[in-house]
Amino acid sequence: MKLGEQSGWRIDRHVPVALVLTIILQTGAALMWSGAAAERLSALELRSARTDEVVERTARLEEQTKAMRASLTRIEEKLDRAIAR
């Protein structure tokens, strides 16, 4: 290496317009993609919240059905005893 020579990386002052446009377009596309992904996540979170409500409601309905079956069984037994007398 000669005295006064520089080695390593250097940045040229001339940047092609195509490179600048490409970087801008890629950045815009990445921002649009991330926005769409965020929207999909929001929709999935909302659907998940609705699903949780449905699961809770179904569990309550199952418990009510069990209680009604037990009550119906008691009524039937009382009727059977009343008819048998």
PDB file of N, CA and C in Angstrom:
ATOM      1  N   MET A   1       0.851  -1.154   0.000  1.00  0.00           N
ATOM      2  CA  MET A   1       0.000   0.000   0.000  1.00  0.00           C
ATOM      3  C   MET A   1       0.914   1.240   0.000  1.00  0.00           C
ATOM      4  N   LYS A   2       0.567   2.158  -0.836  1.00  0.00           N
ATOM      5  CA  LYS A   2       1.367   3.377  -0.950  1.00  0.00           C
ATOM      6  C   LYS A   2       0.925   4.398   0.073  1.00  0.00           C
ATOM      7  N   LEU A   3       1.802   5.281   0.361  1.00  0.00           N
ATOM      8  CA  LEU A   3       1.510   6.350   1.299  1.00  0.00           C
ATOM      9  C   LEU A   3       0.423   7.263   0.718  1.00  0.00           C
ATOM     10  N   GLY A   4      -0.584   7.553   1.529  1.00  0.00           N
ATOM     11  CA  GLY A   4      -1.655   8.434   1.065  1.00  0.00           C
ATOM     12  C   GLY A   4      -2.849   7.672   0.483  1.00  0.00           C
ATOM     13  N   GLU A   5      -2.709   6.391   0.267  1.00  0.00           N
ATOM     14  CA  GLU A   5      -3.835   5.598  -0.236  1.00  0.00           C
ATOM     15  C   GLU A   5      -4.728   5.214   0.936  1.00  0.00           C
ATOM     16  N   GLN A   6      -6.006   5.204   0.655  1.00  0.00           N
ATOM     17  CA  GLN A   6      -6.954   4.811   1.690  1.00  0.00           C
ATOM     18  C   GLN A   6      -7.476   3.415   1.368  1.00  0.00           C
ATOM     19  N   SER A   7      -7.600   2.637   2.394  1.00  0.00           N
ATOM     20  CA  SER A   7      -8.141   1.297   2.180  1.00  0.00           C
ATOM     21  C   SER A   7      -9.438   1.168   2.963  1.00  0.00           C
ATOM     22  N   GLY A   8     -10.200   0.182   2.646  1.00  0.00           N
ATOM     23  CA  GLY A   8     -11.458  -0.045   3.356  1.00  0.00           C
ATOM     24  C   GLY A   8     -12.645   0.501   2.580  1.00  0.00           C
ATOM     25  N   TRP A   9     -13.717   0.698   3.310  1.00  0.00           N
ATOM     26  CA  TRP A   9     -14.964   1.131   2.686  1.00  0.00           C
ATOM     27  C   TRP A   9     -14.934   2.625   2.378  1.00  0.00           C
ATOM     28  N   ARG A  10     -15.667   2.960   1.337  1.00  0.00           N
ATOM     29  CA  ARG A  10     -15.856   4.372   1.051  1.00  0.00           C
ATOM     30  C   ARG A  10     -17.223   4.557   0.419  1.00  0.00           C
ATOM     31  N   ILE A  11     -17.777   5.714   0.596  1.00  0.00           N
ATOM     32  CA  ILE A  11     -19.102   6.017   0.074  1.00  0.00           C
ATOM     33  C   ILE A  11     -18.941   6.991  -1.082  1.00  0.00           C
ATOM     34  N   ASP A  12     -19.571   6.623  -2.181  1.00  0.00           N
ATOM     35  CA  ASP A  12     -19.518   7.466  -3.363  1.00  0.00           C
ATOM     36  C   ASP A  12     -20.587   8.539  -3.259  1.00  0.00           C
ATOM     37  N   ARG A  13     -20.334   9.708  -3.738  1.00  0.00           N
ATOM     38  CA  ARG A  13     -21.294  10.796  -3.654  1.00  0.00           C
ATOM     39  C   ARG A  13     -22.421  10.642  -4.676  1.00  0.00           C
ATOM     40  N   HIS A  14     -22.244   9.820  -5.641  1.00  0.00           N
ATOM     41  CA  HIS A  14     -23.240   9.654  -6.699  1.00  0.00           C
ATOM     42  C   HIS A  14     -24.098   8.430  -6.387  1.00  0.00           C
ATOM     43  N   VAL A  15     -25.357   8.689  -6.033  1.00  0.00           N
ATOM     44  CA  VAL A  15     -26.297   7.609  -5.745  1.00  0.00           C
ATOM     45  C   VAL A  15     -27.344   7.632  -6.850  1.00  0.00           C
ATOM     46  N   PRO A  16     -27.538   6.500  -7.520  1.00  0.00           N
ATOM     47  CA  PRO A  16     -28.517   6.472  -8.610  1.00  0.00           C
ATOM     48  C   PRO A  16     -29.946   6.713  -8.096  1.00  0.00           C
ATOM     49  N   VAL A  17     -30.739   7.403  -8.898  1.00  0.00           N
ATOM     50  CA  VAL A  17     -32.130   7.682  -8.550  1.00  0.00           C
ATOM     51  C   VAL A  17     -32.900   6.372  -8.413  1.00  0.00           C
ATOM     52  N   ALA A  18     -32.577   5.400  -9.229  1.00  0.00           N
ATOM     53  CA  ALA A  18     -33.258   4.106  -9.167  1.00  0.00           C
ATOM     54  C   ALA A  18     -33.062   3.453  -7.798  1.00  0.00           C
ATOM     55  N   LEU A  19     -31.892   3.583  -7.225  1.00  0.00           N
ATOM     56  CA  LEU A  19     -31.627   3.021  -5.902  1.00  0.00           C
ATOM     57  C   LEU A  19     -32.475   3.715  -4.836  1.00  0.00           C
ATOM     58  N   VAL A  20     -32.562   5.027  -4.918  1.00  0.00           N
ATOM     59  CA  VAL A  20     -33.365   5.781  -3.956  1.00  0.00           C
ATOM     60  C   VAL A  20     -34.836   5.382  -4.086  1.00  0.00           C
ATOM     61  N   LEU A  21     -35.343   5.317  -5.304  1.00  0.00           N
ATOM     62  CA  LEU A  21     -36.736   4.924  -5.534  1.00  0.00           C
ATOM     63  C   LEU A  21     -36.996   3.501  -5.045  1.00  0.00           C
ATOM     64  N   THR A  22     -36.067   2.611  -5.274  1.00  0.00           N
ATOM     65  CA  THR A  22     -36.218   1.226  -4.824  1.00  0.00           C
ATOM     66  C   THR A  22     -36.307   1.147  -3.309  1.00  0.00           C
ATOM     67  N   ILE A  23     -35.452   1.872  -2.631  1.00  0.00           N
ATOM     68  CA  ILE A  23     -35.471   1.875  -1.157  1.00  0.00           C
ATOM     69  C   ILE A  23     -36.785   2.465  -0.649  1.00  0.00           C
ATOM     70  N   ILE A  24     -37.249   3.550  -1.270  1.00  0.00           N
ATOM     71  CA  ILE A  24     -38.513   4.166  -0.857  1.00  0.00           C
ATOM     72  C   ILE A  24     -39.672   3.197  -1.072  1.00  0.00           C
ATOM     73  N   LEU A  25     -39.716   2.540  -2.225  1.00  0.00           N
ATOM     74  CA  LEU A  25     -40.795   1.582  -2.514  1.00  0.00           C
ATOM     75  C   LEU A  25     -40.760   0.390  -1.566  1.00  0.00           C
ATOM     76  N   GLN A  26     -39.583  -0.121  -1.285  1.00  0.00           N
ATOM     77  CA  GLN A  26     -39.467  -1.242  -0.357  1.00  0.00           C
ATOM     78  C   GLN A  26     -39.911  -0.847   1.045  1.00  0.00           C
ATOM     79  N   THR A  27     -39.555   0.345   1.471  1.00  0.00           N
ATOM     80  CA  THR A  27     -39.973   0.822   2.792  1.00  0.00           C
ATOM     81  C   THR A  27     -41.491   0.968   2.853  1.00  0.00           C
ATOM     82  N   GLY A  28     -42.070   1.536   1.798  1.00  0.00           N
ATOM     83  CA  GLY A  28     -43.531   1.671   1.745  1.00  0.00           C
ATOM     84  C   GLY A  28     -44.220   0.325   1.771  1.00  0.00           C
ATOM     85  N   ALA A  29     -43.704  -0.625   1.014  1.00  0.00           N
ATOM     86  CA  ALA A  29     -44.293  -1.968   0.997  1.00  0.00           C
ATOM     87  C   ALA A  29     -44.182  -2.630   2.366  1.00  0.00           C
ATOM     88  N   ALA A  30     -43.067  -2.449   3.032  1.00  0.00           N
ATOM     89  CA  ALA A  30     -42.893  -3.042   4.367  1.00  0.00           C
ATOM     90  C   ALA A  30     -43.870  -2.414   5.359  1.00  0.00           C
ATOM     91  N   LEU A  31     -44.076  -1.110   5.280  1.00  0.00           N
ATOM     92  CA  LEU A  31     -45.029  -0.445   6.173  1.00  0.00           C
ATOM     93  C   LEU A  31     -46.458  -0.903   5.902  1.00  0.00           C
ATOM     94  N   MET A  32     -46.807  -1.066   4.623  1.00  0.00           N
ATOM     95  CA  MET A  32     -48.149  -1.561   4.291  1.00  0.00           C
ATOM     96  C   MET A  32     -48.338  -2.985   4.793  1.00  0.00           C
ATOM     97  N   TRP A  33     -47.319  -3.811   4.629  1.00  0.00           N
ATOM     98  CA  TRP A  33     -47.408  -5.196   5.088  1.00  0.00           C
ATOM     99  C   TRP A  33     -47.579  -5.247   6.598  1.00  0.00           C
ATOM    100  N   SER A  34     -46.811  -4.447   7.321  1.00  0.00           N
ATOM    101  CA  SER A  34     -46.914  -4.464   8.784  1.00  0.00           C
ATOM    102  C   SER A  34     -48.267  -3.919   9.235  1.00  0.00           C
ATOM    103  N   GLY A  35     -48.811  -2.947   8.530  1.00  0.00           N
ATOM    104  CA  GLY A  35     -50.148  -2.443   8.855  1.00  0.00           C
ATOM    105  C   GLY A  35     -51.218  -3.494   8.640  1.00  0.00           C
ATOM    106  N   ALA A  36     -51.106  -4.240   7.548  1.00  0.00           N
ATOM    107  CA  ALA A  36     -52.058  -5.316   7.279  1.00  0.00           C
ATOM    108  C   ALA A  36     -51.930  -6.420   8.325  1.00  0.00           C
ATOM    109  N   ALA A  37     -50.720  -6.726   8.723  1.00  0.00           N
ATOM    110  CA  ALA A  37     -50.515  -7.754   9.751  1.00  0.00           C
ATOM    111  C   ALA A  37     -51.124  -7.311  11.075  1.00  0.00           C
ATOM    112  N   ALA A  38     -50.969  -6.052  11.416  1.00  0.00           N
ATOM    113  CA  ALA A  38     -51.544  -5.531  12.662  1.00  0.00           C
ATOM    114  C   ALA A  38     -53.065  -5.606  12.605  1.00  0.00           C
ATOM    115  N   GLU A  39     -53.647  -5.314  11.460  1.00  0.00           N
ATOM    116  CA  GLU A  39     -55.105  -5.388  11.305  1.00  0.00           C
ATOM    117  C   GLU A  39     -55.592  -6.822  11.460  1.00  0.00           C
ATOM    118  N   ARG A  40     -54.867  -7.773  10.878  1.00  0.00           N
ATOM    119  CA  ARG A  40     -55.251  -9.183  11.023  1.00  0.00           C
ATOM    120  C   ARG A  40     -55.155  -9.618  12.476  1.00  0.00           C
ATOM    121  N   LEU A  41     -54.125  -9.178  13.179  1.00  0.00           N
ATOM    122  CA  LEU A  41     -53.993  -9.523  14.592  1.00  0.00           C
ATOM    123  C   LEU A  41     -55.137  -8.944  15.414  1.00  0.00           C
ATOM    124  N   SER A  42     -55.527  -7.720  15.107  1.00  0.00           N
ATOM    125  CA  SER A  42     -56.652  -7.111  15.822  1.00  0.00           C
ATOM    126  C   SER A  42     -57.935  -7.900  15.589  1.00  0.00           C
ATOM    127  N   ALA A  43     -58.155  -8.309  14.345  1.00  0.00           N
ATOM    128  CA  ALA A  43     -59.349  -9.091  14.032  1.00  0.00           C
ATOM    129  C   ALA A  43     -59.331 -10.432  14.763  1.00  0.00           C
ATOM    130  N   LEU A  44     -58.184 -11.072  14.829  1.00  0.00           N
ATOM    131  CA  LEU A  44     -58.076 -12.353  15.531  1.00  0.00           C
ATOM    132  C   LEU A  44     -58.284 -12.187  17.033  1.00  0.00           C
ATOM    133  N   GLU A  45     -57.784 -11.107  17.608  1.00  0.00           N
ATOM    134  CA  GLU A  45     -57.998 -10.857  19.035  1.00  0.00           C
ATOM    135  C   GLU A  45     -59.479 -10.642  19.333  1.00  0.00           C
ATOM    136  N   LEU A  46     -60.167  -9.926  18.451  1.00  0.00           N
ATOM    137  CA  LEU A  46     -61.597  -9.694  18.629  1.00  0.00           C
ATOM    138  C   LEU A  46     -62.365 -11.005  18.525  1.00  0.00           C
ATOM    139  N   ARG A  47     -61.997 -11.825  17.558  1.00  0.00           N
ATOM    140  CA  ARG A  47     -62.654 -13.129  17.395  1.00  0.00           C
ATOM    141  C   ARG A  47     -62.393 -14.021  18.608  1.00  0.00           C
ATOM    142  N   SER A  48     -61.186 -13.953  19.138  1.00  0.00           N
ATOM    143  CA  SER A  48     -60.846 -14.743  20.320  1.00  0.00           C
ATOM    144  C   SER A  48     -61.676 -14.313  21.521  1.00  0.00           C
ATOM    145  N   ALA A  49     -61.884 -13.009  21.671  1.00  0.00           N
ATOM    146  CA  ALA A  49     -62.702 -12.510  22.781  1.00  0.00           C
ATOM    147  C   ALA A  49     -64.135 -13.006  22.643  1.00  0.00           C
ATOM    148  N   ARG A  50     -64.656 -13.006  21.419  1.00  0.00           N
ATOM    149  CA  ARG A  50     -66.015 -13.512  21.184  1.00  0.00           C
ATOM    150  C   ARG A  50     -66.092 -14.999  21.491  1.00  0.00           C
ATOM    151  N   THR A  51     -65.072 -15.734  21.115  1.00  0.00           N
ATOM    152  CA  THR A  51     -65.053 -17.175  21.365  1.00  0.00           C
ATOM    153  C   THR A  51     -65.063 -17.454  22.862  1.00  0.00           C
ATOM    154  N   ASP A  52     -64.308 -16.670  23.628  1.00  0.00           N
ATOM    155  CA  ASP A  52     -64.297 -16.837  25.082  1.00  0.00           C
ATOM    156  C   ASP A  52     -65.691 -16.629  25.666  1.00  0.00           C
ATOM    157  N   GLU A  53     -66.408 -15.625  25.154  1.00  0.00           N
ATOM    158  CA  GLU A  53     -67.767 -15.371  25.629  1.00  0.00           C
ATOM    159  C   GLU A  53     -68.685 -16.546  25.309  1.00  0.00           C
ATOM    160  N   VAL A  54     -68.546 -17.102  24.121  1.00  0.00           N
ATOM    161  CA  VAL A  54     -69.387 -18.231  23.706  1.00  0.00           C
ATOM    162  C   VAL A  54     -69.095 -19.455  24.563  1.00  0.00           C
ATOM    163  N   VAL A  55     -67.833 -19.689  24.862  1.00  0.00           N
ATOM    164  CA  VAL A  55     -67.459 -20.836  25.696  1.00  0.00           C
ATOM    165  C   VAL A  55     -68.063 -20.690  27.087  1.00  0.00           C
ATOM    166  N   GLU A  56     -67.975 -19.498  27.655  1.00  0.00           N
ATOM    167  CA  GLU A  56     -68.533 -19.261  28.984  1.00  0.00           C
ATOM    168  C   GLU A  56     -70.049 -19.441  28.973  1.00  0.00           C
ATOM    169  N   ARG A  57     -70.673 -18.918  27.958  1.00  0.00           N
ATOM    170  CA  ARG A  57     -72.135 -19.029  27.844  1.00  0.00           C
ATOM    171  C   ARG A  57     -72.562 -20.489  27.684  1.00  0.00           C
ATOM    172  N   THR A  58     -71.829 -21.238  26.885  1.00  0.00           N
ATOM    173  CA  THR A  58     -72.131 -22.660  26.684  1.00  0.00           C
ATOM    174  C   THR A  58     -71.995 -23.430  27.989  1.00  0.00           C
ATOM    175  N   ALA A  59     -70.976 -23.119  28.758  1.00  0.00           N
ATOM    176  CA  ALA A  59     -70.792 -23.805  30.043  1.00  0.00           C
ATOM    177  C   ALA A  59     -71.967 -23.511  30.978  1.00  0.00           C
ATOM    178  N   ARG A  60     -72.416 -22.249  30.992  1.00  0.00           N
ATOM    179  CA  ARG A  60     -73.578 -21.918  31.834  1.00  0.00           C
ATOM    180  C   ARG A  60     -74.821 -22.667  31.388  1.00  0.00           C
ATOM    181  N   LEU A  61     -75.025 -22.746  30.074  1.00  0.00           N
ATOM    182  CA  LEU A  61     -76.198 -23.462  29.547  1.00  0.00           C
ATOM    183  C   LEU A  61     -76.146 -24.949  29.885  1.00  0.00           C
ATOM    184  N   GLU A  62     -74.958 -25.535  29.842  1.00  0.00           N
ATOM    185  CA  GLU A  62     -74.816 -26.949  30.203  1.00  0.00           C
ATOM    186  C   GLU A  62     -75.186 -27.175  31.669  1.00  0.00           C
ATOM    187  N   GLU A  63     -74.737 -26.279  32.537  1.00  0.00           N
ATOM    188  CA  GLU A  63     -75.078 -26.407  33.959  1.00  0.00           C
ATOM    189  C   GLU A  63     -76.575 -26.240  34.182  1.00  0.00           C
ATOM    190  N   GLN A  64     -77.198 -25.310  33.476  1.00  0.00           N
ATOM    191  CA  GLN A  64     -78.638 -25.123  33.601  1.00  0.00           C
ATOM    192  C   GLN A  64     -79.388 -26.356  33.099  1.00  0.00           C
ATOM    193  N   THR A  65     -78.914 -26.954  32.040  1.00  0.00           N
ATOM    194  CA  THR A  65     -79.544 -28.160  31.498  1.00  0.00           C
ATOM    195  C   THR A  65     -79.446 -29.306  32.500  1.00  0.00           C
ATOM    196  N   LYS A  66     -78.296 -29.452  33.134  1.00  0.00           N
ATOM    197  CA  LYS A  66     -78.147 -30.502  34.152  1.00  0.00           C
ATOM    198  C   LYS A  66     -79.132 -30.287  35.293  1.00  0.00           C
ATOM    199  N   ALA A  67     -79.260 -29.039  35.731  1.00  0.00           N
ATOM    200  CA  ALA A  67     -80.194 -28.738  36.827  1.00  0.00           C
ATOM    201  C   ALA A  67     -81.630 -29.028  36.402  1.00  0.00           C
ATOM    202  N   MET A  68     -81.981 -28.687  35.180  1.00  0.00           N
ATOM    203  CA  MET A  68     -83.346 -28.954  34.697  1.00  0.00           C
ATOM    204  C   MET A  68     -83.600 -30.456  34.590  1.00  0.00           C
ATOM    205  N   ARG A  69     -82.611 -31.221  34.149  1.00  0.00           N
ATOM    206  CA  ARG A  69     -82.776 -32.683  34.074  1.00  0.00           C
ATOM    207  C   ARG A  69     -82.985 -33.273  35.462  1.00  0.00           C
ATOM    208  N   ALA A  70     -82.220 -32.794  36.422  1.00  0.00           N
ATOM    209  CA  ALA A  70     -82.382 -33.295  37.800  1.00  0.00           C
ATOM    210  C   ALA A  70     -83.771 -32.955  38.323  1.00  0.00           C
ATOM    211  N   SER A  71     -84.231 -31.751  38.051  1.00  0.00           N
ATOM    212  CA  SER A  71     -85.566 -31.338  38.483  1.00  0.00           C
ATOM    213  C   SER A  71     -86.635 -32.179  37.796  1.00  0.00           C
ATOM    214  N   LEU A  72     -86.479 -32.421  36.522  1.00  0.00           N
ATOM    215  CA  LEU A  72     -87.439 -33.250  35.773  1.00  0.00           C
ATOM    216  C   LEU A  72     -87.456 -34.670  36.303  1.00  0.00           C
ATOM    217  N   THR A  73     -86.317 -35.199  36.645  1.00  0.00           N
ATOM    218  CA  THR A  73     -86.247 -36.550  37.213  1.00  0.00           C
ATOM    219  C   THR A  73     -87.001 -36.610  38.536  1.00  0.00           C
ATOM    220  N   ARG A  74     -86.814 -35.597  39.384  1.00  0.00           N
ATOM    221  CA  ARG A  74     -87.548 -35.562  40.661  1.00  0.00           C
ATOM    222  C   ARG A  74     -89.064 -35.477  40.428  1.00  0.00           C
ATOM    223  N   ILE A  75     -89.477 -34.664  39.469  1.00  0.00           N
ATOM    224  CA  ILE A  75     -90.914 -34.538  39.172  1.00  0.00           C
ATOM    225  C   ILE A  75     -91.483 -35.866  38.682  1.00  0.00           C
ATOM    226  N   GLU A  76     -90.753 -36.531  37.789  1.00  0.00           N
ATOM    227  CA  GLU A  76     -91.220 -37.815  37.263  1.00  0.00           C
ATOM    228  C   GLU A  76     -91.334 -38.855  38.377  1.00  0.00           C
ATOM    229  N   GLU A  77     -90.356 -38.859  39.273  1.00  0.00           N
ATOM    230  CA  GLU A  77     -90.407 -39.812  40.389  1.00  0.00           C
ATOM    231  C   GLU A  77     -91.612 -39.542  41.284  1.00  0.00           C
ATOM    232  N   LYS A  78     -91.907 -38.284  41.549  1.00  0.00           N
ATOM    233  CA  LYS A  78     -93.070 -37.935  42.361  1.00  0.00           C
ATOM    234  C   LYS A  78     -94.360 -38.350  41.662  1.00  0.00           C
ATOM    235  N   LEU A  79     -94.435 -38.131  40.358  1.00  0.00           N
ATOM    236  CA  LEU A  79     -95.626 -38.555  39.621  1.00  0.00           C
ATOM    237  C   LEU A  79     -95.786 -40.065  39.632  1.00  0.00           C
ATOM    238  N   ASP A  80     -94.675 -40.786  39.459  1.00  0.00           N
ATOM    239  CA  ASP A  80     -94.734 -42.243  39.485  1.00  0.00           C
ATOM    240  C   ASP A  80     -95.232 -42.729  40.850  1.00  0.00           C
ATOM    241  N   ARG A  81     -94.764 -42.126  41.933  1.00  0.00           N
ATOM    242  CA  ARG A  81     -95.200 -42.511  43.265  1.00  0.00           C
ATOM    243  C   ARG A  81     -96.679 -42.159  43.481  1.00  0.00           C
ATOM    244  N   ALA A  82     -97.105 -41.028  42.962  1.00  0.00           N
ATOM    245  CA  ALA A  82     -98.506 -40.620  43.121  1.00  0.00           C
ATOM    246  C   ALA A  82     -99.432 -41.538  42.327  1.00  0.00           C
ATOM    247  N   ILE A  83     -98.995 -41.970  41.149  1.00  0.00           N
ATOM    248  CA  ILE A  83     -99.810 -42.877  40.335  1.00  0.00           C
ATOM    249  C   ILE A  83     -99.841 -44.273  40.966  1.00  0.00           C
ATOM    250  N   ALA A  84     -98.723 -44.694  41.564  1.00  0.00           N
ATOM    251  CA  ALA A  84     -98.634 -46.017  42.134  1.00  0.00           C
ATOM    252  C   ALA A  84     -99.526 -46.154  43.371  1.00  0.00           C
ATOM    253  N   ARG A  85     -99.931 -45.106  44.035  1.00  0.00           N
ATOM    254  CA  ARG A  85    -100.762 -45.198  45.247  1.00  0.00           C
ATOM    255  C   ARG A  85    -102.134 -45.497  44.904  1.00  0.00           C
TER     256      ARG A  85
END
